[in-house]
C-alpha atoms as a PDB file:
ATOM      1  CA  MET A   1       3.917  27.785  -0.903  1.00  0.00           C
ATOM      2  CA  THR A   2       5.734  29.037  -3.934  1.00  0.00           C
ATOM      3  CA  ALA A   3       4.889  27.988  -7.478  1.00  0.00           C
ATOM      4  CA  LEU A   4       8.180  26.113  -7.753  1.00  0.00           C
ATOM      5  CA  THR A   5       7.479  24.149  -4.587  1.00  0.00           C
ATOM      6  CA  LEU A   6       3.981  23.311  -5.783  1.00  0.00           C
ATOM      7  CA  ALA A   7       5.304  22.204  -9.161  1.00  0.00           C
ATOM      8  CA  ALA A   8       7.904  20.001  -7.505  1.00  0.00           C
ATOM      9  CA  PHE A   9       5.251  18.479  -5.205  1.00  0.00           C
ATOM     10  CA  LEU A  10       2.927  17.727  -8.108  1.00  0.00           C
ATOM     11  CA  ALA A  11       5.762  16.234 -10.156  1.00  0.00           C
ATOM     12  CA  CYS A  12       6.658  13.900  -7.285  1.00  0.00           C
ATOM     13  CA  GLU A  13       3.043  12.831  -6.907  1.00  0.00           C
ATOM     14  CA  ALA A  14       2.736  12.209 -10.652  1.00  0.00           C
ATOM     15  CA  ASP A  15       5.925  10.165 -10.541  1.00  0.00           C
ATOM     16  CA  LEU A  16       4.675   8.038  -7.634  1.00  0.00           C
ATOM     17  CA  THR A  17       1.339   7.509  -9.378  1.00  0.00           C
ATOM     18  CA  LEU A  18       2.933   6.402 -12.642  1.00  0.00           C
ATOM     19  CA  VAL A  19       5.336   4.054 -10.873  1.00  0.00           C
ATOM     20  CA  GLY A  20       2.474   2.571  -8.846  1.00  0.00           C
ATOM     21  CA  LEU A  21       0.496   2.101 -12.048  1.00  0.00           C
ATOM     22  CA  GLY A  22       3.474   0.405 -13.704  1.00  0.00           C
ATOM     23  CA  ILE A  23       3.983  -1.898 -10.730  1.00  0.00           C
ATOM     24  CA  GLY A  24       0.319  -2.819 -10.657  1.00  0.00           C
ATOM     25  CA  LEU A  25       0.158  -3.563 -14.362  1.00  0.00           C
ATOM     26  CA  GLY A  26       3.526  -5.280 -14.496  1.00  0.00           C
ATOM     27  CA  LEU A  27       2.889  -7.586 -11.539  1.00  0.00           C
ATOM     28  CA  ARG A  28      -0.815  -8.151 -12.142  1.00  0.00           C
ATOM     29  CA  SER A  29      -0.617 -11.924 -12.449  1.00  0.00           C
ATOM     30  CA  SER A  30       1.975 -12.489  -9.680  1.00  0.00           C
ATOM     31  CA  ASN A  31       1.487 -12.799  -6.003  1.00  0.00           C
ATOM     32  CA  ARG A  32       0.252  -9.718  -4.156  1.00  0.00           C
ATOM     33  CA  THR A  33       3.230  -9.954  -1.875  1.00  0.00           C
ATOM     34  CA  PHE A  34       5.450  -8.924  -4.821  1.00  0.00           C
ATOM     35  CA  THR A  35       3.315  -5.841  -5.385  1.00  0.00           C
ATOM     36  CA  LEU A  36       3.487  -5.016  -1.685  1.00  0.00           C
ATOM     37  CA  ALA A  37       7.267  -5.417  -1.612  1.00  0.00           C
ATOM     38  CA  ALA A  38       7.857  -3.534  -4.855  1.00  0.00           C
ATOM     39  CA  THR A  39       5.800  -0.512  -3.780  1.00  0.00           C
ATOM     40  CA  ALA A  40       7.491  -0.515  -0.366  1.00  0.00           C
ATOM     41  CA  ALA A  41      10.972  -0.601  -1.920  1.00  0.00           C
ATOM     42  CA  VAL A  42      10.252   2.191  -4.397  1.00  0.00           C
ATOM     43  CA  SER A  43       8.601   4.456  -1.791  1.00  0.00           C
ATOM     44  CA  ALA A  44      11.537   3.946   0.639  1.00  0.00           C
ATOM     45  CA  ALA A  45      14.029   4.744  -2.104  1.00  0.00           C
ATOM     46  CA  PHE A  46      12.048   7.799  -3.152  1.00  0.00           C
ATOM     47  CA  ALA A  47      11.883   9.019   0.451  1.00  0.00           C
ATOM     48  CA  VAL A  48      15.631   8.637   0.843  1.00  0.00           C
ATOM     49  CA  ALA A  49      16.199  10.491  -2.438  1.00  0.00           C
ATOM     50  CA  VAL A  50      13.959  13.370  -1.302  1.00  0.00           C
ATOM     51  CA  PHE A  51      15.843  13.467   1.986  1.00  0.00           C
ATOM     52  CA  LEU A  52      19.198  13.604   0.214  1.00  0.00           C
ATOM     53  CA  VAL A  53      18.017  16.371  -2.069  1.00  0.00           C
ATOM     54  CA  TRP A  54      16.788  18.333   0.970  1.00  0.00           C
ATOM     55  CA  THR A  55      20.130  17.821   2.641  1.00  0.00           C
ATOM     56  CA  LEU A  56      22.081  19.013  -0.443  1.00  0.00           C
ATOM     57  CA  TRP A  57      19.843  22.003  -1.159  1.00  0.00           C
ATOM     58  CA  PHE A  58      19.176  23.304   2.323  1.00  0.00           C
ATOM     59  CA  VAL A  59      21.533  21.802   4.931  1.00  0.00           C
ATOM     60  CA  ALA A  60      24.743  21.838   2.879  1.00  0.00           C
ATOM     61  CA  PRO A  61      24.496  25.528   1.866  1.00  0.00           C
ATOM     62  CA  ALA A  62      23.913  26.487   5.516  1.00  0.00           C
ATOM     63  CA  CYS A  63      27.083  24.573   6.376  1.00  0.00           C
ATOM     64  CA  VAL A  64      29.056  26.312   3.696  1.00  0.00           C
ATOM     65  CA  ILE A  65      27.867  29.753   4.761  1.00  0.00           C
ATOM     66  CA  GLY A  66      27.876  29.448   8.513  1.00  0.00           C
ATOM     67  CA  GLY A  67      29.975  26.440   9.280  1.00  0.00           C
ATOM     68  CA  CYS A  68      28.744  22.995  10.175  1.00  0.00           C
ATOM     69  CA  ASP A  69      29.901  22.709  13.774  1.00  0.00           C
ATOM     70  CA  GLY A  70      28.133  19.473  14.663  1.00  0.00           C
ATOM     71  CA  LEU A  71      24.950  20.447  12.834  1.00  0.00           C
ATOM     72  CA  PRO A  72      22.714  17.460  13.464  1.00  0.00           C
ATOM     73  CA  VAL A  73      19.842  16.463  11.283  1.00  0.00           C
ATOM     74  CA  PRO A  74      16.740  17.718  13.119  1.00  0.00           C
ATOM     75  CA  VAL A  75      14.625  14.999  14.656  1.00  0.00           C
ATOM     76  CA  THR A  76      11.526  16.471  13.052  1.00  0.00           C
ATOM     77  CA  ALA A  77      13.089  15.974   9.593  1.00  0.00           C
ATOM     78  CA  LEU A  78      13.543  12.289  10.303  1.00  0.00           C
ATOM     79  CA  ALA A  79       9.989  12.046  11.583  1.00  0.00           C
ATOM     80  CA  TYR A  80       8.712  13.666   8.404  1.00  0.00           C
ATOM     81  CA  LEU A  81      10.851  11.252   6.420  1.00  0.00           C
ATOM     82  CA  GLY A  82       9.150   8.242   8.016  1.00  0.00           C
ATOM     83  CA  ALA A  83       5.656   9.702   7.755  1.00  0.00           C
ATOM     84  CA  GLY A  84       6.281  10.796   4.165  1.00  0.00           C
ATOM     85  CA  ALA A  85       7.555   7.320   3.164  1.00  0.00           C
ATOM     86  CA  ALA A  86       4.480   5.664   4.782  1.00  0.00           C
ATOM     87  CA  ALA A  87       2.107   8.014   2.990  1.00  0.00           C
ATOM     88  CA  GLN A  88       3.893   7.477  -0.333  1.00  0.00           C
ATOM     89  CA  TRP A  89       3.725   3.726   0.172  1.00  0.00           C
ATOM     90  CA  VAL A  90       0.003   3.764   0.902  1.00  0.00           C
ATOM     91  CA  TRP A  91      -0.654   5.849  -2.187  1.00  0.00           C
ATOM     92  CA  MET A  92       1.478   3.694  -4.502  1.00  0.00           C
ATOM     93  CA  LEU A  93      -0.002   0.518  -3.111  1.00  0.00           C
ATOM     94  CA  ALA A  94      -3.546   1.819  -3.675  1.00  0.00           C
ATOM     95  CA  VAL A  95      -2.743   2.768  -7.243  1.00  0.00           C
ATOM     96  CA  ALA A  96      -0.997  -0.526  -7.910  1.00  0.00           C
ATOM     97  CA  MET A  97      -3.874  -2.590  -6.483  1.00  0.00           C
ATOM     98  CA  ALA A  98      -6.418  -0.576  -8.453  1.00  0.00           C
ATOM     99  CA  ALA A  99      -4.421  -1.188 -11.647  1.00  0.00           C
ATOM    100  CA  ARG A 100      -4.273  -4.928 -10.849  1.00  0.00           C
ATOM    101  CA  PHE A 101      -8.016  -5.001 -10.254  1.00  0.00           C
ATOM    102  CA  ALA A 102      -8.819  -3.112 -13.425  1.00  0.00           C
ATOM    103  CA  LYS A 103      -6.520  -5.249 -15.551  1.00  0.00           C
ATOM    104  CA  ASN A 104      -7.899  -8.512 -14.199  1.00  0.00           C
ATOM    105  CA  ARG A 105     -11.545  -7.510 -14.843  1.00  0.00           C
ATOM    106  CA  ASN A 106     -13.378  -7.292 -18.118  1.00  0.00           C
ATOM    107  CA  LEU A 107     -14.454  -3.656 -18.027  1.00  0.00           C
ATOM    108  CA  ALA A 108     -15.651  -3.444 -21.628  1.00  0.00           C
ATOM    109  CA  HIS A 109     -19.242  -3.081 -20.493  1.00  0.00           C
ATOM    110  CA  VAL A 110     -18.455   0.035 -18.448  1.00  0.00           C
ATOM    111  CA  SER A 111     -17.604   2.243 -21.410  1.00  0.00           C
ATOM    112  CA  GLY A 112     -21.032   1.785 -22.945  1.00  0.00           C
END
């Protein structure tokens, strides 16, 4: 794994964490269904964005160089897209629920 790939991966994880935190804090007093739906929508949109970037950076240049004669999207790429979106959703949901829990509790006694 190159340094650039690692930096991009860490940036994506930081982005997902901050968005999950924002959703959890912003929807803390509303129904948990809204938190569930908001994290699902954001993770699905993020997965589609990553897929489009992958297509533009890796598939499109291969088409320009060698021709795109019916180049299908590999089935494994779509499987990774679904698994990645599910993993992102679980992570964002965990962060959002933890933020809701922490915001709804009086944690002043924890700091000493």
